Protein backbone atom coordinates (compact mmCIF):
# COMPACT_ATOMS: atom_id res chain seq x y z
CA MET A 1 6.21 12.10 -16.15
CA ARG A 2 9.98 12.23 -15.53
CA SER A 3 11.75 9.33 -13.90
CA ILE A 4 13.27 9.78 -10.45
CA ALA A 5 16.73 10.00 -12.02
CA LYS A 6 15.66 13.32 -13.52
CA VAL A 7 13.72 14.64 -10.52
CA ALA A 8 15.45 16.47 -7.72
CA THR A 9 14.23 16.42 -4.14
CA VAL A 10 11.07 18.49 -3.77
CA GLY A 11 12.31 21.75 -2.26
CA LEU A 12 9.87 23.85 -0.21
CA LEU A 13 10.31 27.61 -0.51
CA ILE A 14 9.01 30.42 1.72
CA ALA A 15 8.72 34.13 1.10
CA ALA A 16 10.68 35.21 4.18
CA ALA A 17 14.31 36.15 3.68
CA ALA A 18 15.50 34.72 7.00
CA PRO A 19 15.08 31.06 8.02
CA VAL A 20 12.58 30.19 10.73
CA PRO A 21 14.28 28.72 13.81
CA ALA A 22 13.20 25.23 14.84
CA ALA A 23 11.18 24.98 18.02
CA GLY A 24 12.92 21.74 19.04
CA THR A 25 14.93 18.80 17.77
CA ASP A 26 13.92 15.89 15.58
CA VAL A 27 13.09 12.57 17.22
CA ALA A 28 15.99 10.14 17.29
CA GLY A 29 16.59 8.19 14.09
CA SER A 30 14.35 10.39 11.94
CA LYS A 31 15.18 12.17 8.70
CA ASP A 32 13.48 13.82 5.74
CA HIS A 33 12.51 11.58 2.85
CA PRO A 34 14.84 11.94 -0.18
CA LEU A 35 11.87 12.88 -2.38
CA VAL A 36 10.43 15.65 -0.18
CA SER A 37 12.32 18.18 1.92
CA ARG A 38 10.85 19.69 5.07
CA TYR A 39 9.29 23.12 5.35
CA PRO A 40 11.92 25.47 6.87
CA GLY A 41 11.64 25.51 10.65
CA ALA A 42 9.75 22.22 10.83
CA VAL A 43 10.65 19.63 13.46
CA ILE A 44 10.02 15.88 13.14
CA THR A 45 7.98 14.64 16.10
CA GLU A 46 7.09 11.16 14.78
CA TYR A 47 8.84 8.96 12.21
CA SER A 48 8.47 5.44 10.85
CA THR A 49 9.52 3.51 7.77
CA LYS A 50 8.61 -0.01 6.65
CA GLU A 51 10.03 -1.84 3.65
CA TYR A 52 6.66 -3.27 2.66
CA GLU A 53 3.29 -2.10 3.96
CA GLU A 54 -0.17 -1.26 2.67
CA TYR A 55 -1.66 2.22 2.59
CA THR A 56 -5.01 3.77 1.76
CA LEU A 57 -4.51 6.92 -0.31
CA ALA A 58 -7.28 9.50 0.07
CA LEU A 59 -8.88 10.48 -3.24
CA GLY A 60 -12.17 11.85 -1.90
CA ARG A 61 -13.95 13.32 1.11
CA LEU A 62 -13.66 11.79 4.55
CA GLU A 63 -17.14 10.47 5.38
CA GLN A 64 -17.35 9.45 9.05
CA ASP A 65 -15.21 6.28 8.99
CA HIS A 66 -14.13 5.93 5.37
CA TRP A 67 -12.90 7.86 2.35
CA ALA A 68 -15.56 8.50 -0.30
CA LYS A 69 -12.90 7.49 -2.82
CA SER A 70 -9.48 5.97 -2.20
CA GLN A 71 -6.72 3.84 -3.67
CA HIS A 72 -5.14 0.82 -2.01
CA LEU A 73 -1.33 0.85 -2.28
CA GLU A 74 1.42 -1.53 -1.24
CA GLY A 75 5.14 -0.80 -1.10
CA LYS A 76 7.77 0.95 1.00
CA LEU A 77 6.00 3.32 3.39
CA THR A 78 7.66 6.28 5.11
CA GLN A 79 5.55 8.40 7.47
CA ILE A 80 6.89 11.66 8.89
CA HIS A 81 4.99 13.95 11.25
CA TYR A 82 6.27 17.53 11.38
CA GLU A 83 5.36 20.45 13.60
CA ILE A 84 5.77 23.82 11.89
CA PRO A 85 5.93 27.10 13.87
CA ALA A 86 2.66 29.02 14.13
CA THR A 87 4.34 32.04 12.54
CA ARG A 88 3.38 30.39 9.24
CA SER A 89 -0.15 29.74 8.04
CA PRO A 90 -1.52 26.34 6.96
CA LEU A 91 -2.36 27.86 3.59
CA GLU A 92 1.23 29.01 3.02
CA VAL A 93 2.63 25.60 3.95
CA PHE A 94 0.03 23.78 1.86
CA ARG A 95 0.64 25.93 -1.24
CA ASN A 96 4.39 25.37 -0.93
CA TYR A 97 3.95 21.59 -0.87
CA GLN A 98 1.46 21.77 -3.73
CA GLN A 99 3.70 23.92 -5.94
CA ALA A 100 6.92 22.05 -5.13
CA LEU A 101 5.42 18.63 -5.85
CA THR A 102 3.95 19.88 -9.13
CA ARG A 103 7.30 21.32 -10.18
CA ALA A 104 8.96 17.98 -9.45
CA GLY A 105 6.60 16.17 -11.82
CA PHE A 106 4.03 14.82 -9.38
CA GLN A 107 0.43 14.54 -10.61
CA MET A 108 -2.22 16.02 -8.31
CA LEU A 109 -4.78 13.28 -7.65
CA PHE A 110 -6.82 14.98 -4.92
CA THR A 111 -6.84 18.16 -2.85
CA CYS A 112 -9.30 19.55 -0.34
CA SER A 113 -9.52 22.16 2.39
CA GLY A 114 -11.87 22.92 5.25
CA PRO A 115 -15.46 21.62 5.02
CA GLU A 116 -14.92 20.13 1.55
CA CYS A 117 -12.60 17.56 3.17
CA GLY A 118 -15.57 16.10 5.05
CA GLY A 119 -15.32 14.86 8.61
CA GLY A 120 -14.89 11.74 10.71
CA ALA A 121 -11.98 9.44 11.44
CA VAL A 122 -10.13 6.67 9.60
CA GLY A 123 -7.65 4.93 11.88
CA THR A 124 -5.38 7.68 13.20
CA VAL A 125 -6.47 10.10 10.48
CA GLY A 126 -9.23 12.55 11.37
CA TRP A 127 -10.12 16.20 11.03
CA CYS A 128 -9.58 18.26 14.16
CA GLY A 129 -12.55 20.04 15.66
CA GLY A 130 -12.71 23.74 14.84
CA CYS A 131 -9.64 23.76 12.60
CA SER A 132 -9.30 24.04 8.84
CA PRO A 133 -7.71 20.80 7.56
CA ARG A 134 -5.98 20.51 4.20
CA GLN A 135 -5.11 17.37 2.26
CA LEU A 136 -3.33 16.60 -0.99
CA SER A 137 -2.55 13.27 -2.68
CA THR A 138 -0.03 13.04 -5.52
CA LYS A 139 1.63 10.51 -7.81
CA LEU A 140 4.99 10.39 -9.61
CA SER A 141 5.37 7.82 -12.42
CA ARG A 142 8.82 6.21 -12.38
CA HIS A 143 10.45 3.32 -14.24
CA GLU A 144 11.52 1.73 -10.98
CA GLY A 145 8.01 1.99 -9.50
CA ASP A 146 5.52 4.78 -8.96
CA ALA A 147 5.81 7.01 -5.89
CA TYR A 148 2.88 8.60 -4.06
CA VAL A 149 3.03 11.48 -1.59
CA SER A 150 0.17 12.35 0.76
CA VAL A 151 0.30 15.57 2.78
CA HIS A 152 -2.21 16.32 5.56
CA LEU A 153 -2.22 19.59 7.55
CA GLU A 154 -4.12 20.61 10.67
CA GLN A 155 -3.83 23.48 13.15
CA ASP A 156 -5.90 23.52 16.33
CA ASN A 157 -5.76 27.31 16.64
CA SER A 158 -3.64 30.21 15.43
CA GLY A 159 -1.23 29.89 18.37
CA THR A 160 -0.39 26.21 18.01
CA PRO A 161 2.10 24.57 15.62
CA ILE A 162 0.88 23.36 12.22
CA ALA A 163 0.70 19.57 12.38
CA THR A 164 1.88 18.23 9.01
CA GLN A 165 1.80 14.56 8.10
CA VAL A 166 3.87 13.56 5.04
CA ASP A 167 3.43 9.96 3.86
CA VAL A 168 5.54 8.60 1.00
CA ILE A 169 4.61 5.30 -0.63
CA GLU A 170 7.09 3.81 -3.08
CA ILE A 171 5.59 0.98 -5.08
CA LYS A 172 7.91 -1.99 -5.27
CA PRO A 173 7.60 -5.78 -5.21
CA MET A 174 7.49 -7.49 -1.83
CA GLU A 175 10.69 -9.23 -0.88
CA SER A 176 10.07 -12.85 -1.82
CA GLY A 177 11.65 -16.05 -0.63
CA LEU A 178 10.87 -15.35 3.02
CA ILE A 179 8.41 -18.26 3.14
CA THR A 180 9.57 -21.43 1.45
CA VAL A 181 7.18 -23.73 -0.38
CA ASP A 182 8.09 -27.28 -1.33
CA ALA A 183 6.16 -30.21 -2.76
CA GLU A 184 6.69 -32.35 0.33
CA SER A 185 5.19 -29.82 2.76
CA LEU A 186 2.27 -29.18 0.40
CA ALA A 187 1.57 -32.92 0.24
CA LYS A 188 1.69 -33.22 4.03
CA ASP A 189 -0.77 -30.34 4.50
CA ILE A 190 -3.19 -31.74 1.91
CA THR A 191 -3.02 -35.22 3.47
CA ARG A 192 -3.58 -33.83 6.96
CA THR A 193 -6.21 -31.13 6.33
CA GLY A 194 -7.33 -31.49 2.71
CA HIS A 195 -5.82 -28.16 1.68
CA ALA A 196 -2.56 -26.18 1.67
CA SER A 197 -1.97 -22.43 1.68
CA VAL A 198 0.58 -20.99 -0.75
CA TYR A 199 2.01 -17.49 -0.11
CA GLY A 200 4.71 -17.48 -2.77
CA ILE A 201 2.40 -16.67 -5.68
CA LEU A 202 2.56 -12.92 -6.17
CA PHE A 203 0.40 -10.34 -7.94
CA ASP A 204 0.45 -6.58 -8.22
CA THR A 205 -2.23 -4.82 -6.17
CA GLY A 206 -5.64 -5.17 -7.81
CA LYS A 207 -4.29 -7.24 -10.71
CA ALA A 208 -4.39 -10.91 -11.71
CA ASP A 209 -1.15 -11.29 -13.66
CA VAL A 210 1.13 -13.86 -12.01
CA LYS A 211 4.51 -12.25 -11.32
CA ARG A 212 7.77 -13.91 -12.34
CA GLU A 213 8.82 -14.06 -8.70
CA SER A 214 6.15 -16.79 -8.32
CA ASP A 215 8.08 -19.37 -10.38
CA GLY A 216 9.56 -21.12 -7.34
CA ALA A 217 6.17 -21.80 -5.76
CA LEU A 218 4.59 -22.82 -9.07
CA LYS A 219 7.39 -25.31 -9.76
CA GLU A 220 6.74 -26.97 -6.42
CA ILE A 221 3.00 -27.22 -7.15
CA ALA A 222 3.81 -28.84 -10.50
CA LYS A 223 6.22 -31.21 -8.70
CA LEU A 224 3.48 -32.09 -6.20
CA LEU A 225 1.11 -33.04 -9.01
CA SER A 226 3.81 -34.98 -10.83
CA GLN A 227 4.61 -37.01 -7.71
CA ASN A 228 0.91 -37.68 -7.04
CA PRO A 229 -0.61 -38.55 -10.45
CA GLN A 230 -4.08 -39.22 -9.04
CA LEU A 231 -4.32 -35.92 -7.23
CA LYS A 232 -6.77 -33.29 -8.50
CA LEU A 233 -6.93 -29.82 -7.01
CA TYR A 234 -9.16 -26.82 -6.66
CA VAL A 235 -7.00 -23.70 -7.06
CA VAL A 236 -8.72 -21.16 -4.81
CA GLY A 237 -7.91 -17.45 -4.66
CA HIS A 238 -8.32 -15.53 -1.40
CA THR A 239 -8.03 -11.81 -0.59
CA ASP A 240 -8.19 -9.56 2.44
CA ASN A 241 -11.30 -7.45 3.10
CA VAL A 242 -9.97 -4.16 1.66
CA GLY A 243 -12.47 -3.14 -1.05
CA THR A 244 -15.90 -4.46 -1.90
CA LEU A 245 -16.96 -8.09 -1.63
CA ALA A 246 -17.88 -8.25 -5.31
CA ALA A 247 -14.55 -6.81 -6.47
CA ASN A 248 -12.48 -9.06 -4.22
CA THR A 249 -14.41 -12.18 -5.17
CA GLU A 250 -14.00 -11.44 -8.86
CA LEU A 251 -10.30 -10.63 -8.42
CA SER A 252 -9.62 -13.82 -6.49
CA ARG A 253 -11.29 -15.89 -9.23
CA ARG A 254 -9.23 -14.20 -11.95
CA ARG A 255 -6.07 -14.87 -9.97
CA ALA A 256 -6.97 -18.53 -9.57
CA ASP A 257 -7.60 -18.74 -13.32
CA ALA A 258 -4.23 -17.12 -13.96
CA VAL A 259 -2.45 -19.65 -11.72
CA MET A 260 -4.17 -22.49 -13.55
CA LYS A 261 -3.12 -21.08 -16.91
CA VAL A 262 0.54 -20.87 -15.88
CA LEU A 263 0.54 -24.37 -14.41
CA THR A 264 -0.92 -25.86 -17.59
CA SER A 265 0.90 -23.79 -20.21
CA LYS A 266 4.33 -23.43 -18.60
CA TYR A 267 4.61 -26.48 -16.37
CA GLY A 268 2.62 -29.04 -18.37
CA VAL A 269 -0.04 -29.84 -15.77
CA ALA A 270 -3.14 -31.41 -17.35
CA ALA A 271 -6.04 -28.94 -17.23
CA ALA A 272 -8.41 -31.75 -16.16
CA ARG A 273 -6.57 -31.98 -12.84
CA LEU A 274 -7.29 -28.38 -11.85
CA GLN A 275 -10.36 -26.25 -11.24
CA ALA A 276 -10.30 -22.57 -10.31
CA ALA A 277 -12.44 -20.87 -7.68
CA GLY A 278 -12.43 -17.48 -5.95
CA ASP A 279 -13.50 -16.98 -2.33
CA GLY A 280 -12.41 -13.36 -2.04
CA PRO A 281 -12.42 -12.33 1.65
CA THR A 282 -15.00 -14.88 2.85
CA ALA A 283 -12.59 -17.45 4.31
CA PRO A 284 -9.97 -15.56 6.33
CA VAL A 285 -7.31 -17.41 8.31
CA ALA A 286 -6.51 -14.34 10.44
CA SER A 287 -8.08 -11.05 11.49
CA ASN A 288 -8.21 -8.35 8.83
CA ASP A 289 -7.72 -5.70 11.52
CA SER A 290 -3.92 -5.82 11.17
CA GLU A 291 -1.52 -5.85 8.22
CA ASP A 292 -0.05 -9.17 9.38
CA GLY A 293 -3.52 -10.69 9.34
CA ARG A 294 -4.40 -9.23 5.95
CA ALA A 295 -1.12 -10.57 4.52
CA LYS A 296 -2.04 -14.08 5.70
CA ASN A 297 -5.46 -13.77 4.10
CA ARG A 298 -4.01 -12.83 0.69
CA ARG A 299 -3.14 -16.30 -0.51
CA VAL A 300 -3.78 -19.13 -2.97
CA GLU A 301 -5.04 -22.39 -1.55
CA LEU A 302 -4.75 -25.85 -3.04
CA VAL A 303 -7.79 -27.93 -2.05
CA LYS A 304 -8.08 -31.64 -2.76
CA GLN A 305 -11.02 -32.45 -5.04
């Protein structure tokens, strides 16, 4: 795949010679995403962007309250809801997005239309009754981080605008350094409660390789152990509840093992002073019903042996 430096904005083309007039004005503060232009005549009715958020990318049918297959993503999330005049058909709009994204180097991961999309509701996503929904999910590989584009179309009837949801997820590391970790505060928490939560140890989604941005937190853990030579710790991995219990439990254990390996190999901590464990999603400290809660649950805990 081409990097973003070599990929122009996805331009959507229509067969008509004259532009379609907009039915209204965009909501205040909204704009098209640099990667994907709007369909001519479309108006933005809803817009949001977050520097770091999670997103479930549809890769299979919608089955009542969940996707038959999906991918969990984290990164910069931009969500734009367009209304397109009813003078166009959902098929025409869909094919334009599909062709434009393909031309720009995006890989088609999933497409569906009508009954093959399934039915139900996931959060605010659901197929409208009596309409013919269309969905596509795509990926662009880039050196600076992969980008994913999800497009969902619905039209209640032939006389209503085509509701088009364009979600762009740009994979990038979470901004670190927002929560400070120091040996003194870790020691106080362990003395008071027997354990301390550490949020500065970072991993890519679904992986167990400790990221370099974690060095600050790991240095403080090593300092804690150096200042308390009798202290032994369980290093316990925790996750949110996105995914299966088995997968999350196994992932959390691999992450704990990885933290132990870095502490012993890079920071000189004696292996006998550490023991890894993985609790997955079974010991949450907040509700998994919100992103803030899930972020608190994704952590490493130091537990006094």
